[in-house]
Structures are given as structure tokens and as C-alpha cells.
Amino acid sequence: MMINIECYLVVSTIMMFAGIYGFFTRHNMLAMLISVELMLNATDINFAVFNRFLFPAMKEGYFFSLFSIAISAAETAIAIAIMINIYRNVRSIQTKDIEDMKW
């Protein structure tokens, strides 16, 4: 049994909007990072799905998704290192507390 492309796109759209909503409504930097990761995973699903349905014999969408996952892992490691450094200085990772560090 094959699942239609619309089902994958609905799941991807829900993930994308959940990530956007979480990014704009959360004040914790870690929750914002998780929301960004959710949005990146939604795009990875789209790459894999469109590759599967448009070019079933080729693997470019899958390799691009794997490359994107690797970049996401590096981005997460750097973001968590920055959050740890901010926590050492400010004792909080809330965005309202970090606004004082701008200037």
C-alpha cells in the first residue's frame, strides 16, 4: 500500500507551522532551538518525498536530506555551546534577559 504525497505534505506542513509558532511564542532559547530543528526536519521530509515521487530511481533528495541533517547537528552543537556560555554569564537563557547584552 502506497501513501499519497498529500499525506506527507500535510505532516510536513503541520511540523513547519508548529515550529514557526514555537519560535515566535517561546521565550526560552532552548525551546526556540527545538522549534528551528522542527522546521528543518519539515524541509527534510519535503526533500525526501519530492525525490521519491518525482524521481523514484534517483537518490539526490535523500542525500540532500542527509547533508541537511548533518548541518543541523553542527548548528545545534554550536547553539548549545552559545547557550551554555550565556548561562554562565547571565544565569538565564530567557530571551528577555539576553536583550541587555546587545550593546
PDB file of N, CA and C in Angstrom:
ATOM      1  N   MET A   1       0.837  -1.182   0.000  1.00  0.00           N
ATOM      2  CA  MET A   1       0.000   0.000   0.000  1.00  0.00           C
ATOM      3  C   MET A   1       0.881   1.244   0.000  1.00  0.00           C
ATOM      4  N   MET A   2       0.602   2.148  -0.916  1.00  0.00           N
ATOM      5  CA  MET A   2       1.406   3.357  -1.041  1.00  0.00           C
ATOM      6  C   MET A   2       0.646   4.555  -0.495  1.00  0.00           C
ATOM      7  N   ILE A   3       1.346   5.367   0.282  1.00  0.00           N
ATOM      8  CA  ILE A   3       0.733   6.555   0.868  1.00  0.00           C
ATOM      9  C   ILE A   3       0.833   7.698  -0.135  1.00  0.00           C
ATOM     10  N   ASN A   4      -0.224   8.473  -0.258  1.00  0.00           N
ATOM     11  CA  ASN A   4      -0.238   9.599  -1.194  1.00  0.00           C
ATOM     12  C   ASN A   4       0.714  10.696  -0.751  1.00  0.00           C
ATOM     13  N   ILE A   5       1.139  11.486  -1.717  1.00  0.00           N
ATOM     14  CA  ILE A   5       2.052  12.594  -1.435  1.00  0.00           C
ATOM     15  C   ILE A   5       1.390  13.651  -0.543  1.00  0.00           C
ATOM     16  N   GLU A   6       0.069  13.770  -0.629  1.00  0.00           N
ATOM     17  CA  GLU A   6      -0.636  14.769   0.175  1.00  0.00           C
ATOM     18  C   GLU A   6      -0.500  14.487   1.669  1.00  0.00           C
ATOM     19  N   CYS A   7      -0.484  13.223   2.036  1.00  0.00           N
ATOM     20  CA  CYS A   7      -0.341  12.867   3.462  1.00  0.00           C
ATOM     21  C   CYS A   7       1.009  13.334   4.000  1.00  0.00           C
ATOM     22  N   TYR A   8       2.067  13.108   3.222  1.00  0.00           N
ATOM     23  CA  TYR A   8       3.388  13.561   3.643  1.00  0.00           C
ATOM     24  C   TYR A   8       3.440  15.083   3.721  1.00  0.00           C
ATOM     25  N   LEU A   9       2.846  15.741   2.760  1.00  0.00           N
ATOM     26  CA  LEU A   9       2.873  17.203   2.750  1.00  0.00           C
ATOM     27  C   LEU A   9       2.060  17.795   3.885  1.00  0.00           C
ATOM     28  N   VAL A  10       0.969  17.138   4.275  1.00  0.00           N
ATOM     29  CA  VAL A  10       0.186  17.618   5.420  1.00  0.00           C
ATOM     30  C   VAL A  10       1.010  17.494   6.698  1.00  0.00           C
ATOM     31  N   VAL A  11       1.686  16.365   6.880  1.00  0.00           N
ATOM     32  CA  VAL A  11       2.528  16.184   8.068  1.00  0.00           C
ATOM     33  C   VAL A  11       3.655  17.214   8.079  1.00  0.00           C
ATOM     34  N   SER A  12       4.274  17.427   6.940  1.00  0.00           N
ATOM     35  CA  SER A  12       5.355  18.402   6.843  1.00  0.00           C
ATOM     36  C   SER A  12       4.864  19.824   7.118  1.00  0.00           C
ATOM     37  N   THR A  13       3.684  20.158   6.618  1.00  0.00           N
ATOM     38  CA  THR A  13       3.122  21.488   6.852  1.00  0.00           C
ATOM     39  C   THR A  13       2.795  21.692   8.329  1.00  0.00           C
ATOM     40  N   ILE A  14       2.235  20.679   8.961  1.00  0.00           N
ATOM     41  CA  ILE A  14       1.932  20.783  10.392  1.00  0.00           C
ATOM     42  C   ILE A  14       3.215  20.968  11.192  1.00  0.00           C
ATOM     43  N   MET A  15       4.256  20.213  10.837  1.00  0.00           N
ATOM     44  CA  MET A  15       5.534  20.372  11.524  1.00  0.00           C
ATOM     45  C   MET A  15       6.114  21.759  11.325  1.00  0.00           C
ATOM     46  N   MET A  16       6.020  22.280  10.103  1.00  0.00           N
ATOM     47  CA  MET A  16       6.569  23.602   9.814  1.00  0.00           C
ATOM     48  C   MET A  16       5.846  24.678  10.613  1.00  0.00           C
ATOM     49  N   PHE A  17       4.520  24.644  10.624  1.00  0.00           N
ATOM     50  CA  PHE A  17       3.778  25.672  11.350  1.00  0.00           C
ATOM     51  C   PHE A  17       3.919  25.517  12.859  1.00  0.00           C
ATOM     52  N   ALA A  18       4.079  24.299  13.347  1.00  0.00           N
ATOM     53  CA  ALA A  18       4.336  24.109  14.773  1.00  0.00           C
ATOM     54  C   ALA A  18       5.695  24.703  15.150  1.00  0.00           C
ATOM     55  N   GLY A  19       6.682  24.545  14.271  1.00  0.00           N
ATOM     56  CA  GLY A  19       7.992  25.147  14.509  1.00  0.00           C
ATOM     57  C   GLY A  19       7.954  26.661  14.467  1.00  0.00           C
ATOM     58  N   ILE A  20       7.238  27.215  13.496  1.00  0.00           N
ATOM     59  CA  ILE A  20       7.118  28.673  13.402  1.00  0.00           C
ATOM     60  C   ILE A  20       6.402  29.229  14.622  1.00  0.00           C
ATOM     61  N   TYR A  21       5.311  28.577  15.012  1.00  0.00           N
ATOM     62  CA  TYR A  21       4.561  29.020  16.193  1.00  0.00           C
ATOM     63  C   TYR A  21       5.431  28.947  17.447  1.00  0.00           C
ATOM     64  N   GLY A  22       6.149  27.851  17.607  1.00  0.00           N
ATOM     65  CA  GLY A  22       7.008  27.692  18.771  1.00  0.00           C
ATOM     66  C   GLY A  22       8.132  28.706  18.807  1.00  0.00           C
ATOM     67  N   PHE A  23       8.675  29.037  17.638  1.00  0.00           N
ATOM     68  CA  PHE A  23       9.779  30.001  17.598  1.00  0.00           C
ATOM     69  C   PHE A  23       9.317  31.391  18.010  1.00  0.00           C
ATOM     70  N   PHE A  24       8.143  31.787  17.577  1.00  0.00           N
ATOM     71  CA  PHE A  24       7.680  33.141  17.869  1.00  0.00           C
ATOM     72  C   PHE A  24       6.997  33.282  19.222  1.00  0.00           C
ATOM     73  N   THR A  25       6.585  32.190  19.853  1.00  0.00           N
ATOM     74  CA  THR A  25       5.870  32.312  21.122  1.00  0.00           C
ATOM     75  C   THR A  25       6.718  31.935  22.332  1.00  0.00           C
ATOM     76  N   ARG A  26       7.813  31.253  22.169  1.00  0.00           N
ATOM     77  CA  ARG A  26       8.639  30.831  23.302  1.00  0.00           C
ATOM     78  C   ARG A  26       9.653  31.917  23.650  1.00  0.00           C
ATOM     79  N   HIS A  27       9.991  31.986  24.925  1.00  0.00           N
ATOM     80  CA  HIS A  27      10.987  32.946  25.389  1.00  0.00           C
ATOM     81  C   HIS A  27      12.247  32.258  25.886  1.00  0.00           C
ATOM     82  N   ASN A  28      12.265  30.948  25.843  1.00  0.00           N
ATOM     83  CA  ASN A  28      13.420  30.167  26.242  1.00  0.00           C
ATOM     84  C   ASN A  28      14.221  29.841  24.988  1.00  0.00           C
ATOM     85  N   MET A  29      15.525  30.080  25.024  1.00  0.00           N
ATOM     86  CA  MET A  29      16.344  29.847  23.835  1.00  0.00           C
ATOM     87  C   MET A  29      16.390  28.382  23.436  1.00  0.00           C
ATOM     88  N   LEU A  30      16.344  27.481  24.397  1.00  0.00           N
ATOM     89  CA  LEU A  30      16.362  26.058  24.069  1.00  0.00           C
ATOM     90  C   LEU A  30      15.078  25.645  23.343  1.00  0.00           C
ATOM     91  N   ALA A  31      13.948  26.173  23.780  1.00  0.00           N
ATOM     92  CA  ALA A  31      12.679  25.888  23.091  1.00  0.00           C
ATOM     93  C   ALA A  31      12.684  26.485  21.687  1.00  0.00           C
ATOM     94  N   MET A  32      13.309  27.631  21.530  1.00  0.00           N
ATOM     95  CA  MET A  32      13.413  28.234  20.192  1.00  0.00           C
ATOM     96  C   MET A  32      14.295  27.378  19.286  1.00  0.00           C
ATOM     97  N   LEU A  33      15.372  26.824  19.838  1.00  0.00           N
ATOM     98  CA  LEU A  33      16.245  25.943  19.062  1.00  0.00           C
ATOM     99  C   LEU A  33      15.504  24.683  18.630  1.00  0.00           C
ATOM    100  N   ILE A  34      14.706  24.115  19.516  1.00  0.00           N
ATOM    101  CA  ILE A  34      13.917  22.935  19.165  1.00  0.00           C
ATOM    102  C   ILE A  34      12.924  23.270  18.058  1.00  0.00           C
ATOM    103  N   SER A  35      12.356  24.470  18.090  1.00  0.00           N
ATOM    104  CA  SER A  35      11.424  24.889  17.035  1.00  0.00           C
ATOM    105  C   SER A  35      12.130  25.022  15.694  1.00  0.00           C
ATOM    106  N   VAL A  36      13.338  25.539  15.706  1.00  0.00           N
ATOM    107  CA  VAL A  36      14.106  25.642  14.455  1.00  0.00           C
ATOM    108  C   VAL A  36      14.417  24.253  13.916  1.00  0.00           C
ATOM    109  N   GLU A  37      14.777  23.333  14.789  1.00  0.00           N
ATOM    110  CA  GLU A  37      15.036  21.962  14.356  1.00  0.00           C
ATOM    111  C   GLU A  37      13.780  21.315  13.774  1.00  0.00           C
ATOM    112  N   LEU A  38      12.640  21.616  14.341  1.00  0.00           N
ATOM    113  CA  LEU A  38      11.374  21.092  13.820  1.00  0.00           C
ATOM    114  C   LEU A  38      11.125  21.612  12.404  1.00  0.00           C
ATOM    115  N   MET A  39      11.413  22.884  12.170  1.00  0.00           N
ATOM    116  CA  MET A  39      11.247  23.438  10.823  1.00  0.00           C
ATOM    117  C   MET A  39      12.226  22.803   9.835  1.00  0.00           C
ATOM    118  N   LEU A  40      13.461  22.574  10.262  1.00  0.00           N
ATOM    119  CA  LEU A  40      14.432  21.932   9.372  1.00  0.00           C
ATOM    120  C   LEU A  40      14.032  20.494   9.050  1.00  0.00           C
ATOM    121  N   ASN A  41      13.482  19.787  10.014  1.00  0.00           N
ATOM    122  CA  ASN A  41      13.021  18.417   9.755  1.00  0.00           C
ATOM    123  C   ASN A  41      11.833  18.404   8.793  1.00  0.00           C
ATOM    124  N   ALA A  42      10.990  19.417   8.855  1.00  0.00           N
ATOM    125  CA  ALA A  42       9.878  19.505   7.900  1.00  0.00           C
ATOM    126  C   ALA A  42      10.404  19.669   6.477  1.00  0.00           C
ATOM    127  N   THR A  43      11.440  20.465   6.305  1.00  0.00           N
ATOM    128  CA  THR A  43      12.008  20.625   4.952  1.00  0.00           C
ATOM    129  C   THR A  43      12.689  19.339   4.494  1.00  0.00           C
ATOM    130  N   ASP A  44      13.321  18.617   5.421  1.00  0.00           N
ATOM    131  CA  ASP A  44      13.945  17.343   5.050  1.00  0.00           C
ATOM    132  C   ASP A  44      12.907  16.335   4.571  1.00  0.00           C
ATOM    133  N   ILE A  45      11.753  16.319   5.213  1.00  0.00           N
ATOM    134  CA  ILE A  45      10.672  15.437   4.755  1.00  0.00           C
ATOM    135  C   ILE A  45      10.257  15.815   3.335  1.00  0.00           C
ATOM    136  N   ASN A  46      10.165  17.106   3.063  1.00  0.00           N
ATOM    137  CA  ASN A  46       9.790  17.542   1.716  1.00  0.00           C
ATOM    138  C   ASN A  46      10.825  17.111   0.678  1.00  0.00           C
ATOM    139  N   PHE A  47      12.116  17.240   1.003  1.00  0.00           N
ATOM    140  CA  PHE A  47      13.157  16.808   0.060  1.00  0.00           C
ATOM    141  C   PHE A  47      13.012  15.327  -0.267  1.00  0.00           C
ATOM    142  N   ALA A  48      12.855  14.513   0.752  1.00  0.00           N
ATOM    143  CA  ALA A  48      12.764  13.070   0.537  1.00  0.00           C
ATOM    144  C   ALA A  48      11.489  12.691  -0.221  1.00  0.00           C
ATOM    145  N   VAL A  49      10.374  13.324   0.129  1.00  0.00           N
ATOM    146  CA  VAL A  49       9.095  12.977  -0.505  1.00  0.00           C
ATOM    147  C   VAL A  49       9.087  13.375  -1.974  1.00  0.00           C
ATOM    148  N   PHE A  50       9.522  14.589  -2.266  1.00  0.00           N
ATOM    149  CA  PHE A  50       9.519  15.012  -3.671  1.00  0.00           C
ATOM    150  C   PHE A  50      10.504  14.206  -4.499  1.00  0.00           C
ATOM    151  N   ASN A  51      11.624  13.820  -3.907  1.00  0.00           N
ATOM    152  CA  ASN A  51      12.544  12.957  -4.643  1.00  0.00           C
ATOM    153  C   ASN A  51      11.900  11.607  -4.914  1.00  0.00           C
ATOM    154  N   ARG A  52      11.211  11.059  -3.938  1.00  0.00           N
ATOM    155  CA  ARG A  52      10.592   9.732  -4.092  1.00  0.00           C
ATOM    156  C   ARG A  52       9.493   9.730  -5.140  1.00  0.00           C
ATOM    157  N   PHE A  53       8.683  10.781  -5.176  1.00  0.00           N
ATOM    158  CA  PHE A  53       7.544  10.793  -6.086  1.00  0.00           C
ATOM    159  C   PHE A  53       7.886  11.340  -7.469  1.00  0.00           C
ATOM    160  N   LEU A  54       8.857  12.243  -7.571  1.00  0.00           N
ATOM    161  CA  LEU A  54       9.193  12.806  -8.880  1.00  0.00           C
ATOM    162  C   LEU A  54      10.268  12.002  -9.602  1.00  0.00           C
ATOM    163  N   PHE A  55      11.285  11.554  -8.862  1.00  0.00           N
ATOM    164  CA  PHE A  55      12.388  10.809  -9.453  1.00  0.00           C
ATOM    165  C   PHE A  55      12.649   9.549  -8.625  1.00  0.00           C
ATOM    166  N   PRO A  56      11.831   8.508  -8.783  1.00  0.00           N
ATOM    167  CA  PRO A  56      11.939   7.333  -7.913  1.00  0.00           C
ATOM    168  C   PRO A  56      13.259   6.575  -8.018  1.00  0.00           C
ATOM    169  N   ALA A  57      13.941   6.662  -9.147  1.00  0.00           N
ATOM    170  CA  ALA A  57      15.179   5.901  -9.305  1.00  0.00           C
ATOM    171  C   ALA A  57      16.400   6.653  -8.808  1.00  0.00           C
ATOM    172  N   MET A  58      16.283   7.947  -8.583  1.00  0.00           N
ATOM    173  CA  MET A  58      17.436   8.754  -8.183  1.00  0.00           C
ATOM    174  C   MET A  58      17.406   9.005  -6.678  1.00  0.00           C
ATOM    175  N   LYS A  59      18.572   9.319  -6.121  1.00  0.00           N
ATOM    176  CA  LYS A  59      18.704   9.444  -4.669  1.00  0.00           C
ATOM    177  C   LYS A  59      19.148  10.841  -4.222  1.00  0.00           C
ATOM    178  N   GLU A  60      19.058  11.855  -5.073  1.00  0.00           N
ATOM    179  CA  GLU A  60      19.564  13.176  -4.711  1.00  0.00           C
ATOM    180  C   GLU A  60      18.827  13.785  -3.516  1.00  0.00           C
ATOM    181  N   GLY A  61      17.523  13.619  -3.449  1.00  0.00           N
ATOM    182  CA  GLY A  61      16.750  14.168  -2.338  1.00  0.00           C
ATOM    183  C   GLY A  61      17.146  13.563  -1.012  1.00  0.00           C
ATOM    184  N   TYR A  62      17.446  12.270  -1.015  1.00  0.00           N
ATOM    185  CA  TYR A  62      17.860  11.602   0.220  1.00  0.00           C
ATOM    186  C   TYR A  62      19.237  12.085   0.669  1.00  0.00           C
ATOM    187  N   PHE A  63      20.162  12.220  -0.290  1.00  0.00           N
ATOM    188  CA  PHE A  63      21.486  12.700   0.071  1.00  0.00           C
ATOM    189  C   PHE A  63      21.443  14.150   0.542  1.00  0.00           C
ATOM    190  N   PHE A  64      20.592  14.950  -0.079  1.00  0.00           N
ATOM    191  CA  PHE A  64      20.451  16.326   0.355  1.00  0.00           C
ATOM    192  C   PHE A  64      19.858  16.387   1.757  1.00  0.00           C
ATOM    193  N   SER A  65      18.928  15.497   2.057  1.00  0.00           N
ATOM    194  CA  SER A  65      18.358  15.428   3.409  1.00  0.00           C
ATOM    195  C   SER A  65      19.411  15.014   4.426  1.00  0.00           C
ATOM    196  N   LEU A  66      20.244  14.034   4.088  1.00  0.00           N
ATOM    197  CA  LEU A  66      21.310  13.627   4.999  1.00  0.00           C
ATOM    198  C   LEU A  66      22.309  14.751   5.231  1.00  0.00           C
ATOM    199  N   PHE A  67      22.642  15.482   4.181  1.00  0.00           N
ATOM    200  CA  PHE A  67      23.540  16.634   4.320  1.00  0.00           C
ATOM    201  C   PHE A  67      22.901  17.694   5.208  1.00  0.00           C
ATOM    202  N   SER A  68      21.626  17.931   5.040  1.00  0.00           N
ATOM    203  CA  SER A  68      20.905  18.906   5.859  1.00  0.00           C
ATOM    204  C   SER A  68      20.856  18.469   7.316  1.00  0.00           C
ATOM    205  N   ILE A  69      20.693  17.192   7.580  1.00  0.00           N
ATOM    206  CA  ILE A  69      20.689  16.684   8.951  1.00  0.00           C
ATOM    207  C   ILE A  69      22.065  16.886   9.588  1.00  0.00           C
ATOM    208  N   ALA A  70      23.125  16.657   8.825  1.00  0.00           N
ATOM    209  CA  ALA A  70      24.482  16.876   9.350  1.00  0.00           C
ATOM    210  C   ALA A  70      24.711  18.348   9.686  1.00  0.00           C
ATOM    211  N   ILE A  71      24.258  19.237   8.819  1.00  0.00           N
ATOM    212  CA  ILE A  71      24.382  20.672   9.075  1.00  0.00           C
ATOM    213  C   ILE A  71      23.554  21.055  10.301  1.00  0.00           C
ATOM    214  N   SER A  72      22.373  20.472  10.457  1.00  0.00           N
ATOM    215  CA  SER A  72      21.522  20.752  11.615  1.00  0.00           C
ATOM    216  C   SER A  72      22.194  20.302  12.905  1.00  0.00           C
ATOM    217  N   ALA A  73      22.866  19.172  12.873  1.00  0.00           N
ATOM    218  CA  ALA A  73      23.561  18.688  14.069  1.00  0.00           C
ATOM    219  C   ALA A  73      24.692  19.633  14.457  1.00  0.00           C
ATOM    220  N   ALA A  74      25.441  20.118  13.473  1.00  0.00           N
ATOM    221  CA  ALA A  74      26.511  21.070  13.764  1.00  0.00           C
ATOM    222  C   ALA A  74      25.944  22.382  14.291  1.00  0.00           C
ATOM    223  N   GLU A  75      24.865  22.831  13.703  1.00  0.00           N
ATOM    224  CA  GLU A  75      24.217  24.067  14.152  1.00  0.00           C
ATOM    225  C   GLU A  75      23.702  23.923  15.575  1.00  0.00           C
ATOM    226  N   THR A  76      23.159  22.776  15.916  1.00  0.00           N
ATOM    227  CA  THR A  76      22.667  22.546  17.269  1.00  0.00           C
ATOM    228  C   THR A  76      23.809  22.528  18.277  1.00  0.00           C
ATOM    229  N   ALA A  77      24.911  21.902  17.931  1.00  0.00           N
ATOM    230  CA  ALA A  77      26.058  21.864  18.837  1.00  0.00           C
ATOM    231  C   ALA A  77      26.592  23.271  19.114  1.00  0.00           C
ATOM    232  N   ILE A  78      26.678  24.082  18.084  1.00  0.00           N
ATOM    233  CA  ILE A  78      27.156  25.457  18.261  1.00  0.00           C
ATOM    234  C   ILE A  78      26.167  26.277  19.069  1.00  0.00           C
ATOM    235  N   ALA A  79      24.872  26.116  18.800  1.00  0.00           N
ATOM    236  CA  ALA A  79      23.856  26.875  19.534  1.00  0.00           C
ATOM    237  C   ALA A  79      23.839  26.491  21.008  1.00  0.00           C
ATOM    238  N   ILE A  80      23.991  25.216  21.320  1.00  0.00           N
ATOM    239  CA  ILE A  80      24.007  24.798  22.720  1.00  0.00           C
ATOM    240  C   ILE A  80      25.265  25.322  23.411  1.00  0.00           C
ATOM    241  N   ALA A  81      26.403  25.342  22.710  1.00  0.00           N
ATOM    242  CA  ALA A  81      27.619  25.909  23.295  1.00  0.00           C
ATOM    243  C   ALA A  81      27.432  27.397  23.598  1.00  0.00           C
ATOM    244  N   ILE A  82      26.776  28.120  22.708  1.00  0.00           N
ATOM    245  CA  ILE A  82      26.497  29.539  22.946  1.00  0.00           C
ATOM    246  C   ILE A  82      25.557  29.699  24.132  1.00  0.00           C
ATOM    247  N   MET A  83      24.538  28.849  24.226  1.00  0.00           N
ATOM    248  CA  MET A  83      23.611  28.928  25.357  1.00  0.00           C
ATOM    249  C   MET A  83      24.307  28.646  26.684  1.00  0.00           C
ATOM    250  N   ILE A  84      25.215  27.693  26.709  1.00  0.00           N
ATOM    251  CA  ILE A  84      25.963  27.407  27.940  1.00  0.00           C
ATOM    252  C   ILE A  84      26.803  28.609  28.336  1.00  0.00           C
ATOM    253  N   ASN A  85      27.436  29.244  27.361  1.00  0.00           N
ATOM    254  CA  ASN A  85      28.239  30.432  27.643  1.00  0.00           C
ATOM    255  C   ASN A  85      27.374  31.581  28.158  1.00  0.00           C
ATOM    256  N   ILE A  86      26.212  31.762  27.581  1.00  0.00           N
ATOM    257  CA  ILE A  86      25.294  32.809  28.047  1.00  0.00           C
ATOM    258  C   ILE A  86      24.813  32.490  29.456  1.00  0.00           C
ATOM    259  N   TYR A  87      24.521  31.232  29.727  1.00  0.00           N
ATOM    260  CA  TYR A  87      24.041  30.857  31.054  1.00  0.00           C
ATOM    261  C   TYR A  87      25.112  31.108  32.118  1.00  0.00           C
ATOM    262  N   ARG A  88      26.366  30.884  31.767  1.00  0.00           N
ATOM    263  CA  ARG A  88      27.450  31.147  32.722  1.00  0.00           C
ATOM    264  C   ARG A  88      27.544  32.635  33.067  1.00  0.00           C
ATOM    265  N   ASN A  89      27.248  33.503  32.108  1.00  0.00           N
ATOM    266  CA  ASN A  89      27.364  34.939  32.343  1.00  0.00           C
ATOM    267  C   ASN A  89      26.105  35.548  32.943  1.00  0.00           C
ATOM    268  N   VAL A  90      24.926  35.138  32.493  1.00  0.00           N
ATOM    269  CA  VAL A  90      23.678  35.789  32.872  1.00  0.00           C
ATOM    270  C   VAL A  90      22.868  34.955  33.864  1.00  0.00           C
ATOM    271  N   ARG A  91      23.138  33.647  33.957  1.00  0.00           N
ATOM    272  CA  ARG A  91      22.386  32.701  34.787  1.00  0.00           C
ATOM    273  C   ARG A  91      20.948  32.516  34.313  1.00  0.00           C
ATOM    274  N   SER A  92      20.710  32.732  33.031  1.00  0.00           N
ATOM    275  CA  SER A  92      19.390  32.520  32.451  1.00  0.00           C
ATOM    276  C   SER A  92      19.545  32.410  30.945  1.00  0.00           C
ATOM    277  N   ILE A  93      18.644  31.634  30.324  1.00  0.00           N
ATOM    278  CA  ILE A  93      18.641  31.583  28.858  1.00  0.00           C
ATOM    279  C   ILE A  93      17.318  32.103  28.318  1.00  0.00           C
ATOM    280  N   GLN A  94      16.649  32.936  29.103  1.00  0.00           N
ATOM    281  CA  GLN A  94      15.424  33.582  28.647  1.00  0.00           C
ATOM    282  C   GLN A  94      15.804  34.742  27.738  1.00  0.00           C
ATOM    283  N   THR A  95      15.062  34.940  26.670  1.00  0.00           N
ATOM    284  CA  THR A  95      15.420  35.982  25.711  1.00  0.00           C
ATOM    285  C   THR A  95      15.275  37.381  26.292  1.00  0.00           C
ATOM    286  N   LYS A  96      14.380  37.591  27.239  1.00  0.00           N
ATOM    287  CA  LYS A  96      14.227  38.934  27.822  1.00  0.00           C
ATOM    288  C   LYS A  96      15.452  39.316  28.643  1.00  0.00           C
ATOM    289  N   ASP A  97      16.156  38.343  29.208  1.00  0.00           N
ATOM    290  CA  ASP A  97      17.366  38.624  29.976  1.00  0.00           C
ATOM    291  C   ASP A  97      18.574  38.870  29.079  1.00  0.00           C
ATOM    292  N   ILE A  98      18.539  38.361  27.881  1.00  0.00           N
ATOM    293  CA  ILE A  98      19.667  38.481  26.968  1.00  0.00           C
ATOM    294  C   ILE A  98      19.657  39.799  26.205  1.00  0.00           C
ATOM    295  N   GLU A  99      18.531  40.475  26.158  1.00  0.00           N
ATOM    296  CA  GLU A  99      18.459  41.748  25.443  1.00  0.00           C
ATOM    297  C   GLU A  99      19.396  42.780  26.026  1.00  0.00           C
ATOM    298  N   ASP A 100      19.749  42.669  27.296  1.00  0.00           N
ATOM    299  CA  ASP A 100      20.674  43.608  27.913  1.00  0.00           C
ATOM    300  C   ASP A 100      22.102  43.446  27.369  1.00  0.00           C
ATOM    301  N   MET A 101      22.413  42.299  26.777  1.00  0.00           N
ATOM    302  CA  MET A 101      23.760  42.041  26.276  1.00  0.00           C
ATOM    303  C   MET A 101      23.990  42.593  24.877  1.00  0.00           C
ATOM    304  N   LYS A 102      22.998  43.225  24.270  1.00  0.00           N
ATOM    305  CA  LYS A 102      23.152  43.698  22.888  1.00  0.00           C
ATOM    306  C   LYS A 102      24.262  44.730  22.749  1.00  0.00           C
ATOM    307  N   TRP A 103      24.318  45.659  23.631  1.00  0.00           N
ATOM    308  CA  TRP A 103      25.283  46.744  23.486  1.00  0.00           C
ATOM    309  C   TRP A 103      26.246  46.681  24.595  1.00  0.00           C
TER     310      TRP A 103
END
